[in-house]
Amino acid sequence: MRAVVQRVSSARVTVAGEVTGEIGPGLLVLLGIAQDDTDADAAWLAAKVAALRIFEDADGKMNRSVVDAGGGILVVSQFTLFASTRKGTRPSFNDAAKPDVAIPLYEAFNRHAGAALGKPVATGRFAAMMDVALVNAGPVTILIDTKTRE
């Protein structure tokens, strides 16, 4: 799994004009799922995201997690995080999981993240054309890949 984690002041996802997920301060997580990902990857990544100390403490240092800050998490599926541009200029998405694998793992990540957060996460709609609006706070953007555990 790959995640692009952005600290936000607010974020919202709409599908065909309908808001499907929205948060105030917290984290927007763009989540890509590979063919060989497992529930263990979802659990590890969700715990890592919830524990990232990227919110400021009283001294202005990034020392608090989204849990500590009382923020929300908005998760948006994004298979394009597994794009390969090795050949030519048209990306290949062969490494991205097909829906029969990706949907259960996306749902597992959301459950694990909600458990770590102590409340349900907001979400987009899997495989839909989504409009994602956000106010990136900082900006702070972190890339995490379960294969490298970075």
Protein backbone atom coordinates (compact mmCIF):
# COMPACT_ATOMS: atom_id res chain seq x y z
CA MET A 1 0.00 0.00 0.00
CA ARG A 2 1.03 3.53 -0.64
CA ALA A 3 -0.34 6.58 1.08
CA VAL A 4 0.07 10.27 0.45
CA VAL A 5 -0.77 11.83 3.80
CA GLN A 6 -1.53 15.54 3.89
CA ARG A 7 -2.12 17.60 7.00
CA VAL A 8 -5.16 19.72 6.25
CA SER A 9 -7.22 22.52 7.74
CA SER A 10 -10.17 21.01 5.88
CA ALA A 11 -10.88 18.52 3.11
CA ARG A 12 -13.95 17.37 1.20
CA VAL A 13 -14.77 14.79 -1.45
CA THR A 14 -17.73 15.14 -3.79
CA VAL A 15 -19.11 12.69 -6.32
CA ALA A 16 -21.53 14.06 -8.90
CA GLY A 17 -22.15 17.10 -6.69
CA GLU A 18 -22.82 15.02 -3.54
CA VAL A 19 -20.45 15.36 -0.57
CA THR A 20 -19.36 11.83 0.36
CA GLY A 21 -16.76 12.74 2.97
CA GLU A 22 -15.63 15.86 4.76
CA ILE A 23 -13.35 16.78 7.67
CA GLY A 24 -12.09 19.88 9.39
CA PRO A 25 -8.51 19.83 10.70
CA GLY A 26 -6.87 16.44 10.26
CA LEU A 27 -5.37 14.21 7.60
CA LEU A 28 -6.29 13.59 3.98
CA VAL A 29 -5.02 10.14 2.99
CA LEU A 30 -4.77 9.25 -0.70
CA LEU A 31 -4.54 5.45 -0.60
CA GLY A 32 -3.20 3.16 -3.32
CA ILE A 33 -3.46 -0.62 -3.04
CA ALA A 34 -1.18 -3.08 -4.82
CA GLN A 35 -2.04 -6.57 -6.03
CA ASP A 36 -0.02 -8.27 -3.29
CA ASP A 37 -1.14 -6.13 -0.33
CA THR A 38 -2.68 -7.79 2.72
CA ASP A 39 -4.74 -6.95 5.77
CA ALA A 40 -1.46 -6.78 7.70
CA ASP A 41 -0.37 -3.96 5.38
CA ALA A 42 -3.67 -2.15 5.99
CA ALA A 43 -3.31 -2.51 9.77
CA TRP A 44 0.32 -1.36 9.81
CA LEU A 45 -0.34 1.63 7.56
CA ALA A 46 -3.45 2.73 9.45
CA ALA A 47 -1.58 2.62 12.77
CA LYS A 48 1.33 4.54 11.26
CA VAL A 49 -0.92 7.25 9.81
CA ALA A 50 -2.85 7.71 13.05
CA ALA A 51 0.39 7.96 15.07
CA LEU A 52 2.29 10.36 12.77
CA ARG A 53 3.39 13.29 14.90
CA ILE A 54 2.86 16.08 12.38
CA PHE A 55 0.58 18.41 14.34
CA GLU A 56 2.04 21.25 16.37
CA ASP A 57 2.25 21.17 20.14
CA ALA A 58 2.10 24.21 22.46
CA ASP A 59 5.71 25.05 21.52
CA GLY A 60 4.98 25.04 17.78
CA LYS A 61 6.86 21.78 17.15
CA MET A 62 5.38 18.91 15.14
CA ASN A 63 4.94 16.63 18.11
CA ARG A 64 1.26 15.57 18.14
CA SER A 65 -0.64 12.95 16.17
CA VAL A 66 -4.06 13.41 14.59
CA VAL A 67 -5.41 11.46 17.57
CA ASP A 68 -3.72 13.85 20.03
CA ALA A 69 -5.01 16.84 18.05
CA GLY A 70 -8.59 15.51 17.95
CA GLY A 71 -8.64 15.73 14.15
CA GLY A 72 -10.35 13.69 11.49
CA ILE A 73 -9.12 11.45 8.70
CA LEU A 74 -10.50 11.49 5.16
CA VAL A 75 -9.48 8.47 3.04
CA VAL A 76 -9.65 8.59 -0.76
CA SER A 77 -8.81 5.54 -2.88
CA GLN A 78 -6.28 6.36 -5.59
CA PHE A 79 -5.04 3.52 -7.79
CA THR A 80 -2.88 6.00 -9.71
CA LEU A 81 -0.35 5.90 -6.85
CA PHE A 82 0.84 2.67 -8.50
CA ALA A 83 1.35 4.22 -11.91
CA SER A 84 4.44 3.11 -13.78
CA THR A 85 5.98 5.47 -16.31
CA ARG A 86 8.94 3.27 -17.25
CA LYS A 87 7.79 2.91 -20.85
CA GLY A 88 6.74 5.95 -22.80
CA THR A 89 4.45 8.64 -21.52
CA ARG A 90 1.20 6.74 -20.94
CA PRO A 91 1.20 5.38 -17.37
CA SER A 92 0.60 1.69 -16.75
CA PHE A 93 -1.49 0.70 -13.75
CA ASN A 94 -0.70 -3.04 -13.82
CA ASP A 95 0.67 -2.99 -10.26
CA ALA A 96 -2.55 -1.57 -8.80
CA ALA A 97 -4.93 -4.10 -7.27
CA LYS A 98 -8.11 -4.98 -9.12
CA PRO A 99 -11.37 -4.06 -7.33
CA ASP A 100 -11.97 -7.59 -5.98
CA VAL A 101 -8.72 -7.27 -4.01
CA ALA A 102 -8.64 -3.51 -3.49
CA ILE A 103 -12.15 -2.92 -2.11
CA PRO A 104 -11.83 -5.26 0.91
CA LEU A 105 -8.38 -3.85 1.70
CA TYR A 106 -9.61 -0.25 1.34
CA GLU A 107 -12.43 -1.08 3.75
CA ALA A 108 -9.97 -2.81 6.10
CA PHE A 109 -7.70 0.23 6.11
CA ASN A 110 -10.69 2.44 6.94
CA ARG A 111 -11.73 0.15 9.82
CA HIS A 112 -8.18 0.03 11.22
CA ALA A 113 -7.76 3.80 10.87
CA GLY A 114 -11.12 4.43 12.53
CA ALA A 115 -10.18 2.16 15.42
CA ALA A 116 -6.86 3.97 15.89
CA LEU A 117 -8.58 7.36 15.63
CA GLY A 118 -11.39 6.42 17.99
CA LYS A 119 -14.09 7.42 15.50
CA PRO A 120 -15.05 6.51 11.93
CA VAL A 121 -13.02 7.98 9.11
CA ALA A 122 -14.62 9.96 6.31
CA THR A 123 -14.25 8.49 2.84
CA GLY A 124 -14.61 9.09 -0.83
CA ARG A 125 -16.38 6.53 -3.02
CA PHE A 126 -14.29 3.68 -4.36
CA ALA A 127 -13.83 3.72 -8.18
CA ALA A 128 -15.87 6.90 -8.61
CA MET A 129 -14.78 10.07 -10.36
CA MET A 130 -14.21 12.26 -7.30
CA ASP A 131 -13.52 15.94 -6.78
CA VAL A 132 -11.18 16.36 -3.83
CA ALA A 133 -10.84 19.81 -2.27
CA LEU A 134 -8.39 20.52 0.51
CA VAL A 135 -6.56 23.23 2.35
CA ASN A 136 -3.09 21.81 2.98
CA ALA A 137 -1.86 23.07 6.34
CA GLY A 138 1.85 23.79 6.35
CA PRO A 139 2.06 22.40 3.74
CA VAL A 140 2.84 19.01 5.24
CA THR A 141 2.80 16.01 2.89
CA ILE A 142 4.24 12.60 3.79
CA LEU A 143 4.65 9.54 1.53
CA ILE A 144 4.43 6.09 3.14
CA ASP A 145 4.87 2.72 1.42
CA THR A 146 4.23 -0.55 3.25
CA LYS A 147 6.84 -2.35 1.16
CA THR A 148 9.67 -0.18 2.49
CA ARG A 149 8.02 0.60 5.86
CA GLU A 150 9.08 4.23 5.36
